[in-house]
Every structure is written in structure tokens, then in C-alpha cells.
């Protein structure tokens, strides 16, 4: 009855719930991160919405927040041009050959998930700076005596070749 009795109409009220479903978005991440052997590699991703869950993985292995030094995952909420986003960073200290390869970042939210890949590559065209110290200098020996040459190398993955006048001594 809408007030047929001649008085004011009775108010009608109804409650509505509006639900806005935010879609997960990875705003930025590098396709490739370059690092040098023994250096630091930093992967950064920007994600919307700010309450999305972000995980870094490599070969299916999840990186925890920190492993005490070699890997560190940190996040913060930032704003740019009035838009808030979550920035999540994976930092690898003392990069080794075993760290090189494909990494994945997964951002998940109630409306789904988004996965993006990035790769860690060796910088400086793959050249590893190696130092040689303590090399034995010139030696004088008599015919039939042995000469011993030695040195210390900073990288245990290097191959050492001794030469005499440009020829490998193993070939002499």
C-alpha cells in the first residue's frame, strides 16, 4: 500500500551491496637482469592491488623472505601518479654460476593469478674477473734439475694453462 489513505507515501528503502573486483596486474618487471660474478642481482616487480600475494620462484622452489644472506625478499607499498602499488624485490648477493637462469614471479589475488618470467644473466659478456697472485718469478736451474712454478687464483672455477713461448707446456 503506497499511502492510499490520503496521507504521505510511506518511504521505501532497500540495501544494496556493490562489489568491485580488482584484477591482478603486474605493472613492471625486467625481462632480464644482468649481474657479475660475486656481485648483486636485483629483481623488482610492481603489482596492483597492494594486497596481492607475490612469490618469487626458480625451478619450482619458493624463495623465503630471507635465507640469512644470499637471498633476500622485501616488499613495500608505494604510490605513483595517485595509484598505489606493491613493490616486491628479490636480491641475490654474491652471484654464482648456480644462480644464473630463469626466475618466475607470481602475483595472486582473489580474482586469479598472474605469472611472469625473468632471467638472470652474467654481465660483461660472460667475463669473470680473475686475479692471479703469488706467481713464481724467473728461476735458474741446472740441466736435469726440476723447476717448480706456482700461483694463487681468485676463482676456483678457472682453468689454468702453463705455456712456454706461447705453447702449452703439456704439449712439449
N, C-alpha and C. Protein backbone atom coordinates (compact mmCIF):
# COMPACT_ATOMS: atom_id res chain seq x y z
N UNK A 1 0.86 -1.17 0.00
CA UNK A 1 0.00 0.00 0.00
C UNK A 1 0.90 1.23 0.00
N UNK A 2 0.75 2.11 -0.98
CA UNK A 2 1.59 3.29 -1.11
C UNK A 2 0.91 4.54 -0.58
N UNK A 3 0.13 4.40 0.40
CA UNK A 3 -0.48 5.56 1.05
C UNK A 3 -1.79 5.98 0.42
N UNK A 4 -2.65 5.03 0.10
CA UNK A 4 -3.94 5.37 -0.49
C UNK A 4 -4.88 5.98 0.52
N UNK A 5 -4.49 6.06 1.77
CA UNK A 5 -5.36 6.62 2.79
C UNK A 5 -5.35 8.14 2.77
N UNK A 6 -4.64 8.72 1.81
CA UNK A 6 -4.68 10.16 1.69
C UNK A 6 -3.50 10.85 2.33
N UNK A 7 -2.69 10.16 3.13
CA UNK A 7 -1.54 10.78 3.76
C UNK A 7 -0.30 10.68 2.88
N UNK A 8 0.82 11.02 3.48
CA UNK A 8 2.09 10.92 2.75
C UNK A 8 2.42 9.47 2.47
N UNK A 9 3.12 9.25 1.36
CA UNK A 9 3.51 7.89 0.99
C UNK A 9 4.57 7.39 1.97
N UNK A 10 4.48 6.13 2.30
CA UNK A 10 5.45 5.52 3.21
C UNK A 10 6.79 5.38 2.48
N UNK A 11 7.89 5.72 3.13
CA UNK A 11 9.19 5.59 2.47
C UNK A 11 9.53 4.13 2.21
N UNK A 12 10.17 3.90 1.09
CA UNK A 12 10.63 2.55 0.74
C UNK A 12 12.14 2.58 0.77
N UNK A 13 12.72 1.63 1.43
CA UNK A 13 14.18 1.58 1.48
C UNK A 13 14.65 0.19 1.10
N UNK A 14 15.81 0.13 0.56
CA UNK A 14 16.43 -1.14 0.20
C UNK A 14 17.94 -0.99 0.36
N UNK A 15 18.59 -2.07 0.71
CA UNK A 15 20.05 -2.07 0.88
C UNK A 15 20.68 -2.72 -0.34
N UNK A 16 21.73 -2.10 -0.85
CA UNK A 16 22.46 -2.65 -1.98
C UNK A 16 23.92 -2.80 -1.58
N UNK A 17 24.51 -3.86 -2.06
CA UNK A 17 25.94 -4.07 -1.86
C UNK A 17 26.61 -4.02 -3.21
N UNK A 18 27.61 -3.17 -3.31
CA UNK A 18 28.36 -3.05 -4.56
C UNK A 18 29.73 -3.69 -4.32
N UNK A 19 30.06 -4.65 -5.14
CA UNK A 19 31.35 -5.32 -5.02
C UNK A 19 32.18 -4.98 -6.24
N UNK A 20 33.37 -4.45 -5.99
CA UNK A 20 34.29 -4.13 -7.07
C UNK A 20 35.41 -5.17 -7.05
N UNK A 21 35.52 -5.94 -8.10
CA UNK A 21 36.56 -6.95 -8.20
C UNK A 21 37.78 -6.36 -8.90
N UNK A 22 38.83 -6.20 -8.13
CA UNK A 22 40.06 -5.69 -8.72
C UNK A 22 40.77 -6.83 -9.45
N UNK A 23 41.30 -6.53 -10.59
CA UNK A 23 42.06 -7.53 -11.33
C UNK A 23 43.52 -7.39 -10.95
N UNK A 24 44.18 -8.52 -10.88
CA UNK A 24 45.59 -8.53 -10.55
C UNK A 24 46.37 -8.03 -11.76
N UNK A 25 47.35 -7.16 -11.52
CA UNK A 25 48.17 -6.64 -12.60
C UNK A 25 49.62 -6.59 -12.15
N UNK A 26 50.51 -7.13 -12.98
CA UNK A 26 51.94 -6.91 -12.77
C UNK A 26 52.28 -5.72 -13.65
N UNK A 27 52.61 -4.62 -13.00
CA UNK A 27 52.85 -3.38 -13.74
C UNK A 27 54.21 -3.37 -14.43
N UNK A 28 55.24 -3.78 -13.73
CA UNK A 28 56.58 -3.81 -14.34
C UNK A 28 57.43 -4.93 -13.76
N UNK A 29 58.27 -5.47 -14.58
CA UNK A 29 59.35 -6.36 -14.18
C UNK A 29 60.29 -6.44 -15.37
N UNK A 30 61.56 -6.61 -15.09
CA UNK A 30 62.55 -6.67 -16.18
C UNK A 30 62.52 -8.04 -16.83
N UNK A 31 62.67 -8.08 -18.15
CA UNK A 31 62.74 -9.36 -18.86
C UNK A 31 64.05 -10.07 -18.56
N UNK A 32 65.08 -9.26 -18.24
CA UNK A 32 66.39 -9.81 -17.99
C UNK A 32 67.11 -8.95 -16.95
N UNK A 33 67.78 -9.59 -16.02
CA UNK A 33 68.59 -8.89 -15.02
C UNK A 33 70.02 -9.33 -15.22
N UNK A 34 70.93 -8.36 -15.27
CA UNK A 34 72.34 -8.66 -15.51
C UNK A 34 73.13 -8.48 -14.22
N UNK A 35 74.01 -9.42 -13.96
CA UNK A 35 74.86 -9.33 -12.77
C UNK A 35 76.25 -9.84 -13.11
N UNK A 36 77.20 -9.50 -12.28
CA UNK A 36 78.56 -10.00 -12.44
C UNK A 36 78.82 -11.05 -11.37
N UNK A 37 79.75 -11.95 -11.64
CA UNK A 37 80.10 -12.99 -10.69
C UNK A 37 80.56 -12.35 -9.39
N UNK A 38 79.95 -12.75 -8.27
CA UNK A 38 80.29 -12.19 -6.97
C UNK A 38 79.55 -10.90 -6.66
N UNK A 39 78.82 -10.36 -7.65
CA UNK A 39 78.09 -9.11 -7.47
C UNK A 39 76.69 -9.35 -6.90
N UNK A 40 75.83 -8.37 -7.06
CA UNK A 40 74.46 -8.43 -6.55
C UNK A 40 73.49 -8.32 -7.71
N UNK A 41 72.45 -9.16 -7.70
CA UNK A 41 71.38 -9.10 -8.70
C UNK A 41 70.11 -8.69 -7.99
N UNK A 42 69.35 -7.76 -8.61
CA UNK A 42 68.12 -7.28 -8.00
C UNK A 42 66.97 -7.39 -9.00
N UNK A 43 65.96 -8.19 -8.64
CA UNK A 43 64.73 -8.33 -9.42
C UNK A 43 63.66 -7.52 -8.71
N UNK A 44 62.97 -6.63 -9.42
CA UNK A 44 61.90 -5.83 -8.81
C UNK A 44 60.64 -5.95 -9.64
N UNK A 45 59.52 -6.11 -8.97
CA UNK A 45 58.22 -6.17 -9.64
C UNK A 45 57.27 -5.21 -8.93
N UNK A 46 56.41 -4.55 -9.73
CA UNK A 46 55.37 -3.67 -9.20
C UNK A 46 54.03 -4.33 -9.51
N UNK A 47 53.16 -4.45 -8.48
CA UNK A 47 51.92 -5.19 -8.60
C UNK A 47 50.74 -4.39 -8.04
N UNK A 48 49.60 -4.49 -8.72
CA UNK A 48 48.32 -4.00 -8.20
C UNK A 48 47.40 -5.18 -8.06
N UNK A 49 46.55 -5.22 -7.06
CA UNK A 49 46.37 -4.32 -5.94
C UNK A 49 47.46 -4.55 -4.88
N UNK A 50 47.50 -3.66 -3.92
CA UNK A 50 48.56 -3.70 -2.91
C UNK A 50 48.47 -4.91 -1.97
N UNK A 51 47.30 -5.54 -1.90
CA UNK A 51 47.18 -6.71 -1.01
C UNK A 51 47.35 -8.03 -1.77
N UNK A 52 47.87 -7.96 -2.99
CA UNK A 52 48.16 -9.18 -3.74
C UNK A 52 49.32 -9.92 -3.08
N UNK A 53 49.30 -11.23 -3.18
CA UNK A 53 50.39 -12.06 -2.67
C UNK A 53 51.39 -12.23 -3.81
N UNK A 54 52.67 -11.97 -3.54
CA UNK A 54 53.70 -12.06 -4.56
C UNK A 54 54.76 -13.06 -4.11
N UNK A 55 55.10 -14.00 -5.00
CA UNK A 55 56.11 -15.01 -4.69
C UNK A 55 57.12 -15.10 -5.83
N UNK A 56 58.39 -15.22 -5.47
CA UNK A 56 59.46 -15.47 -6.43
C UNK A 56 59.83 -16.94 -6.36
N UNK A 57 60.02 -17.58 -7.52
CA UNK A 57 60.43 -18.98 -7.56
C UNK A 57 61.49 -19.18 -8.63
N UNK A 58 62.24 -20.25 -8.48
CA UNK A 58 63.19 -20.70 -9.50
C UNK A 58 63.15 -22.21 -9.51
N UNK A 59 62.86 -22.78 -10.67
CA UNK A 59 62.74 -24.24 -10.82
C UNK A 59 61.75 -24.81 -9.81
N UNK A 60 60.66 -24.06 -9.56
CA UNK A 60 59.62 -24.51 -8.65
C UNK A 60 59.93 -24.32 -7.17
N UNK A 61 61.10 -23.80 -6.85
CA UNK A 61 61.48 -23.60 -5.45
C UNK A 61 61.15 -22.16 -5.05
N UNK A 62 60.36 -22.02 -3.99
CA UNK A 62 59.92 -20.73 -3.48
C UNK A 62 61.03 -20.08 -2.66
N UNK A 63 61.25 -18.78 -2.89
CA UNK A 63 62.23 -18.05 -2.10
C UNK A 63 61.55 -17.51 -0.85
N UNK A 64 62.10 -17.83 0.31
CA UNK A 64 61.53 -17.28 1.55
C UNK A 64 61.88 -15.80 1.64
N UNK A 65 61.43 -15.15 2.69
CA UNK A 65 61.74 -13.72 2.87
C UNK A 65 63.24 -13.49 2.89
N UNK A 66 63.98 -14.40 3.52
CA UNK A 66 65.43 -14.26 3.56
C UNK A 66 66.03 -15.59 3.98
N UNK A 67 67.22 -15.89 3.48
CA UNK A 67 67.89 -17.12 3.89
C UNK A 67 69.11 -16.84 4.76
N UNK A 68 69.20 -15.61 5.22
CA UNK A 68 70.32 -15.25 6.08
C UNK A 68 71.48 -14.61 5.34
N UNK A 69 71.29 -14.27 4.08
CA UNK A 69 72.39 -13.59 3.41
C UNK A 69 72.40 -13.66 1.90
N UNK A 70 72.28 -14.86 1.32
CA UNK A 70 72.40 -15.00 -0.13
C UNK A 70 71.16 -14.48 -0.85
N UNK A 71 69.98 -14.79 -0.35
CA UNK A 71 68.71 -14.34 -0.94
C UNK A 71 67.97 -13.47 0.06
N UNK A 72 67.33 -12.41 -0.44
CA UNK A 72 66.51 -11.56 0.41
C UNK A 72 65.30 -11.09 -0.39
N UNK A 73 64.10 -11.25 0.17
CA UNK A 73 62.87 -10.77 -0.47
C UNK A 73 62.27 -9.70 0.44
N UNK A 74 62.01 -8.53 -0.14
CA UNK A 74 61.40 -7.44 0.64
C UNK A 74 60.27 -6.82 -0.18
N UNK A 75 59.33 -6.20 0.52
CA UNK A 75 58.24 -5.52 -0.19
C UNK A 75 57.86 -4.24 0.52
N UNK A 76 57.25 -3.34 -0.24
CA UNK A 76 56.78 -2.07 0.31
C UNK A 76 55.63 -1.58 -0.55
N UNK A 77 54.80 -0.72 0.05
CA UNK A 77 53.68 -0.10 -0.67
C UNK A 77 54.14 1.28 -1.10
N UNK A 78 53.96 1.57 -2.38
CA UNK A 78 54.37 2.85 -2.93
C UNK A 78 53.22 3.46 -3.72
N UNK A 79 53.38 4.71 -4.10
CA UNK A 79 52.34 5.40 -4.87
C UNK A 79 53.00 6.21 -5.98
N UNK A 80 52.39 6.16 -7.15
CA UNK A 80 52.89 6.91 -8.30
C UNK A 80 51.69 7.43 -9.08
N UNK A 81 51.65 8.72 -9.31
CA UNK A 81 50.54 9.37 -10.04
C UNK A 81 49.19 9.02 -9.42
N UNK A 82 49.14 8.96 -8.10
CA UNK A 82 47.89 8.70 -7.40
C UNK A 82 47.47 7.24 -7.36
N UNK A 83 48.30 6.34 -7.89
CA UNK A 83 47.97 4.92 -7.91
C UNK A 83 48.91 4.18 -6.95
N UNK A 84 48.32 3.47 -6.00
CA UNK A 84 49.11 2.69 -5.04
C UNK A 84 49.43 1.33 -5.64
N UNK A 85 50.65 0.85 -5.37
CA UNK A 85 51.06 -0.47 -5.83
C UNK A 85 52.02 -1.08 -4.81
N UNK A 86 52.20 -2.39 -4.93
CA UNK A 86 53.13 -3.11 -4.07
C UNK A 86 54.40 -3.35 -4.89
N UNK A 87 55.55 -3.02 -4.30
CA UNK A 87 56.84 -3.28 -4.95
C UNK A 87 57.53 -4.39 -4.18
N UNK A 88 57.86 -5.48 -4.87
CA UNK A 88 58.50 -6.63 -4.23
C UNK A 88 59.84 -6.86 -4.92
N UNK A 89 60.90 -6.99 -4.10
CA UNK A 89 62.25 -7.12 -4.62
C UNK A 89 62.90 -8.41 -4.14
N UNK A 90 63.49 -9.15 -5.07
CA UNK A 90 64.32 -10.31 -4.75
C UNK A 90 65.76 -9.88 -4.99
N UNK A 91 66.60 -9.95 -3.96
CA UNK A 91 68.01 -9.58 -4.08
C UNK A 91 68.86 -10.83 -3.86
N UNK A 92 69.78 -11.06 -4.79
CA UNK A 92 70.72 -12.18 -4.67
C UNK A 92 72.11 -11.59 -4.49
N UNK A 93 72.72 -11.87 -3.35
CA UNK A 93 74.07 -11.38 -3.06
C UNK A 93 75.08 -12.44 -3.46
N UNK A 94 76.29 -11.99 -3.79
CA UNK A 94 77.39 -12.90 -4.15
C UNK A 94 76.95 -13.88 -5.24
N UNK A 95 76.52 -13.34 -6.39
CA UNK A 95 76.00 -14.14 -7.51
C UNK A 95 77.05 -15.16 -7.96
N UNK A 96 76.60 -16.40 -8.14
CA UNK A 96 77.45 -17.50 -8.61
C UNK A 96 76.82 -18.10 -9.87
N UNK A 97 77.57 -18.94 -10.59
CA UNK A 97 77.03 -19.59 -11.78
C UNK A 97 75.74 -20.33 -11.49
N UNK A 98 75.63 -20.93 -10.32
CA UNK A 98 74.43 -21.69 -9.96
C UNK A 98 73.19 -20.80 -9.82
N UNK A 99 73.36 -19.47 -9.72
CA UNK A 99 72.24 -18.55 -9.60
C UNK A 99 71.68 -18.14 -10.96
N UNK A 100 72.45 -18.35 -12.02
CA UNK A 100 72.02 -17.91 -13.34
C UNK A 100 70.84 -18.75 -13.81
N UNK A 101 69.94 -18.14 -14.60
CA UNK A 101 68.81 -18.89 -15.15
C UNK A 101 67.49 -18.15 -15.03
N UNK A 102 66.41 -18.90 -15.22
CA UNK A 102 65.05 -18.37 -15.29
C UNK A 102 64.42 -18.27 -13.90
N UNK A 103 63.81 -17.13 -13.62
CA UNK A 103 63.07 -16.90 -12.37
C UNK A 103 61.64 -16.55 -12.72
N UNK A 104 60.70 -16.89 -11.84
CA UNK A 104 59.30 -16.54 -12.05
C UNK A 104 58.78 -15.76 -10.87
N UNK A 105 57.93 -14.78 -11.17
CA UNK A 105 57.23 -14.05 -10.13
C UNK A 105 55.75 -14.32 -10.34
N UNK A 106 55.07 -14.71 -9.26
CA UNK A 106 53.64 -14.99 -9.32
C UNK A 106 52.92 -14.03 -8.39
N UNK A 107 51.97 -13.28 -8.95
CA UNK A 107 51.13 -12.38 -8.16
C UNK A 107 49.75 -13.01 -8.12
N UNK A 108 49.21 -13.23 -6.92
CA UNK A 108 47.89 -13.84 -6.81
C UNK A 108 46.98 -13.00 -5.92
N UNK A 109 45.71 -13.09 -6.25
CA UNK A 109 44.67 -12.31 -5.58
C UNK A 109 43.38 -13.10 -5.73
N UNK A 110 42.34 -12.72 -5.03
CA UNK A 110 41.09 -13.48 -5.07
C UNK A 110 40.56 -13.68 -6.49
N UNK A 111 40.90 -12.79 -7.41
CA UNK A 111 40.40 -12.89 -8.79
C UNK A 111 41.33 -13.66 -9.71
N UNK A 112 42.35 -14.31 -9.18
CA UNK A 112 43.23 -15.10 -10.03
C UNK A 112 44.69 -14.83 -9.77
N UNK A 113 45.51 -15.27 -10.71
CA UNK A 113 46.94 -15.06 -10.55
C UNK A 113 47.56 -14.72 -11.90
N UNK A 114 48.73 -14.12 -11.81
CA UNK A 114 49.46 -13.68 -12.99
C UNK A 114 50.91 -14.10 -12.78
N UNK A 115 51.50 -14.72 -13.78
CA UNK A 115 52.87 -15.21 -13.69
C UNK A 115 53.70 -14.56 -14.78
N UNK A 116 54.88 -14.11 -14.42
CA UNK A 116 55.79 -13.50 -15.38
C UNK A 116 57.19 -14.05 -15.14
N UNK A 117 57.93 -14.28 -16.22
CA UNK A 117 59.28 -14.83 -16.11
C UNK A 117 60.32 -13.75 -16.38
N UNK A 118 61.48 -13.92 -15.77
CA UNK A 118 62.62 -13.05 -16.00
C UNK A 118 63.87 -13.92 -15.87
N UNK A 119 64.97 -13.46 -16.40
CA UNK A 119 66.17 -14.28 -16.42
C UNK A 119 67.36 -13.52 -15.83
N UNK A 120 68.18 -14.24 -15.07
CA UNK A 120 69.41 -13.69 -14.54
C UNK A 120 70.54 -14.14 -15.46
N UNK A 121 71.26 -13.17 -16.03
CA UNK A 121 72.37 -13.47 -16.94
C UNK A 121 73.65 -12.86 -16.40
N UNK A 122 74.76 -13.39 -16.86
CA UNK A 122 76.07 -12.90 -16.46
C UNK A 122 76.42 -11.68 -17.29
N UNK A 123 76.81 -10.60 -16.64
CA UNK A 123 77.17 -9.38 -17.33
C UNK A 123 78.59 -9.43 -17.86
N UNK A 124 79.03 -8.33 -18.44
CA UNK A 124 80.37 -8.20 -19.02
C UNK A 124 80.67 -9.32 -20.01
N UNK A 125 79.68 -9.64 -20.85
CA UNK A 125 79.84 -10.66 -21.90
C UNK A 125 80.34 -11.99 -21.33
N UNK A 126 79.93 -12.31 -20.11
CA UNK A 126 80.31 -13.58 -19.51
C UNK A 126 81.74 -13.63 -18.98
N UNK A 127 82.43 -12.51 -18.95
CA UNK A 127 83.81 -12.50 -18.48
C UNK A 127 83.82 -12.36 -16.97
N UNK A 128 84.51 -13.26 -16.34
CA UNK A 128 84.67 -13.23 -14.89
C UNK A 128 86.06 -12.66 -14.60
N UNK A 129 86.14 -11.64 -13.79
CA UNK A 129 87.43 -11.05 -13.46
C UNK A 129 88.13 -11.96 -12.47
N UNK A 130 89.30 -12.43 -12.87
CA UNK A 130 90.08 -13.35 -12.05
C UNK A 130 91.43 -12.70 -11.76
N UNK A 131 91.86 -12.78 -10.53
CA UNK A 131 93.19 -12.24 -10.21
C UNK A 131 94.14 -13.40 -9.91
N UNK A 132 95.37 -13.23 -10.35
CA UNK A 132 96.42 -14.21 -10.11
C UNK A 132 97.46 -13.53 -9.24
N UNK A 133 97.81 -14.17 -8.13
CA UNK A 133 98.80 -13.58 -7.23
C UNK A 133 99.80 -14.65 -6.83
N UNK A 134 100.91 -14.21 -6.29
CA UNK A 134 101.92 -15.14 -5.78
C UNK A 134 102.57 -15.98 -6.86
N UNK A 135 102.56 -15.49 -8.12
CA UNK A 135 103.18 -16.26 -9.20
C UNK A 135 104.69 -16.32 -9.00
N UNK A 136 105.22 -17.50 -9.24
CA UNK A 136 106.65 -17.68 -9.13
C UNK A 136 107.34 -16.90 -10.25
N UNK A 137 108.40 -16.17 -9.92
CA UNK A 137 109.13 -15.40 -10.93
C UNK A 137 110.11 -16.28 -11.70
N UNK A 138 111.05 -15.64 -12.37
CA UNK A 138 112.08 -16.35 -13.12
C UNK A 138 112.86 -17.27 -12.19
N UNK A 139 113.26 -18.43 -12.72
CA UNK A 139 114.06 -19.39 -11.96
C UNK A 139 115.26 -19.80 -12.80
N UNK A 140 116.36 -20.05 -12.11
CA UNK A 140 117.55 -20.58 -12.78
C UNK A 140 117.82 -21.96 -12.19
N UNK A 141 117.85 -22.96 -13.07
CA UNK A 141 118.14 -24.33 -12.63
C UNK A 141 119.17 -24.93 -13.59
N UNK A 142 119.86 -25.97 -13.15
CA UNK A 142 120.82 -26.66 -13.99
C UNK A 142 120.13 -27.81 -14.70
N UNK A 143 120.69 -28.19 -15.86
CA UNK A 143 120.13 -29.28 -16.65
C UNK A 143 119.92 -30.50 -15.75
N UNK A 144 118.73 -31.10 -15.86
CA UNK A 144 118.39 -32.28 -15.08
C UNK A 144 117.69 -31.96 -13.77
N UNK A 145 117.72 -30.70 -13.33
CA UNK A 145 117.01 -30.30 -12.10
C UNK A 145 115.58 -29.92 -12.45
N UNK A 146 114.72 -29.93 -11.45
CA UNK A 146 113.32 -29.55 -11.64
C UNK A 146 113.11 -28.08 -11.31
N UNK A 147 112.18 -27.48 -12.01
CA UNK A 147 111.73 -26.11 -11.69
C UNK A 147 110.27 -26.20 -11.30
N UNK A 148 109.91 -25.52 -10.24
CA UNK A 148 108.52 -25.56 -9.77
C UNK A 148 107.94 -24.16 -9.88
N UNK A 149 106.82 -24.04 -10.59
CA UNK A 149 106.11 -22.77 -10.75
C UNK A 149 104.76 -22.90 -10.07
N UNK A 150 104.35 -21.86 -9.37
CA UNK A 150 103.04 -21.89 -8.70
C UNK A 150 102.42 -20.50 -8.70
N UNK A 151 101.11 -20.47 -8.46
CA UNK A 151 100.40 -19.20 -8.34
C UNK A 151 99.11 -19.45 -7.57
N UNK A 152 98.46 -18.38 -7.13
CA UNK A 152 97.17 -18.44 -6.46
C UNK A 152 96.17 -17.73 -7.33
N UNK A 153 95.02 -18.37 -7.57
CA UNK A 153 93.98 -17.82 -8.45
C UNK A 153 92.74 -17.53 -7.61
N UNK A 154 92.09 -16.38 -7.87
CA UNK A 154 90.95 -15.94 -7.04
C UNK A 154 89.66 -16.69 -7.33
N UNK A 155 89.58 -17.45 -8.42
CA UNK A 155 88.34 -18.12 -8.80
C UNK A 155 88.60 -19.62 -8.94
N UNK A 156 87.95 -20.43 -8.10
CA UNK A 156 88.20 -21.87 -8.14
C UNK A 156 87.58 -22.56 -9.35
N UNK A 157 86.84 -21.82 -10.19
CA UNK A 157 86.23 -22.41 -11.39
C UNK A 157 87.05 -22.14 -12.64
N UNK A 158 88.19 -21.47 -12.49
CA UNK A 158 89.04 -21.15 -13.63
C UNK A 158 89.90 -22.35 -14.01
N UNK A 159 90.29 -22.38 -15.28
CA UNK A 159 91.22 -23.38 -15.78
C UNK A 159 92.56 -22.70 -15.99
N UNK A 160 93.60 -23.27 -15.45
CA UNK A 160 94.94 -22.70 -15.54
C UNK A 160 95.73 -23.48 -16.59
N UNK A 161 96.37 -22.75 -17.49
CA UNK A 161 97.22 -23.36 -18.50
C UNK A 161 98.59 -22.71 -18.44
N UNK A 162 99.64 -23.52 -18.32
CA UNK A 162 101.01 -23.03 -18.31
C UNK A 162 101.55 -23.13 -19.73
N UNK A 163 102.19 -22.05 -20.19
CA UNK A 163 102.76 -22.05 -21.54
C UNK A 163 104.22 -21.62 -21.49
N UNK A 164 104.97 -22.05 -22.52
CA UNK A 164 106.36 -21.62 -22.72
C UNK A 164 106.45 -21.12 -24.16
N UNK A 165 106.78 -19.85 -24.31
CA UNK A 165 106.84 -19.22 -25.64
C UNK A 165 105.54 -19.43 -26.42
N UNK A 166 104.39 -19.35 -25.73
CA UNK A 166 103.09 -19.46 -26.37
C UNK A 166 102.61 -20.87 -26.62
N UNK A 167 103.37 -21.88 -26.21
CA UNK A 167 102.99 -23.29 -26.42
C UNK A 167 102.66 -23.90 -25.06
N UNK A 168 101.53 -24.60 -25.00
CA UNK A 168 101.11 -25.28 -23.78
C UNK A 168 102.21 -26.25 -23.36
N UNK A 169 102.68 -26.15 -22.07
CA UNK A 169 103.78 -27.00 -21.62
C UNK A 169 103.43 -28.49 -21.63
N UNK A 170 102.15 -28.81 -21.60
CA UNK A 170 101.75 -30.22 -21.68
C UNK A 170 101.97 -30.77 -23.08
N UNK A 171 102.07 -29.88 -24.06
CA UNK A 171 102.29 -30.30 -25.44
C UNK A 171 103.76 -30.41 -25.79
N UNK A 172 104.66 -30.00 -24.90
CA UNK A 172 106.11 -30.02 -25.19
C UNK A 172 106.70 -31.39 -25.01
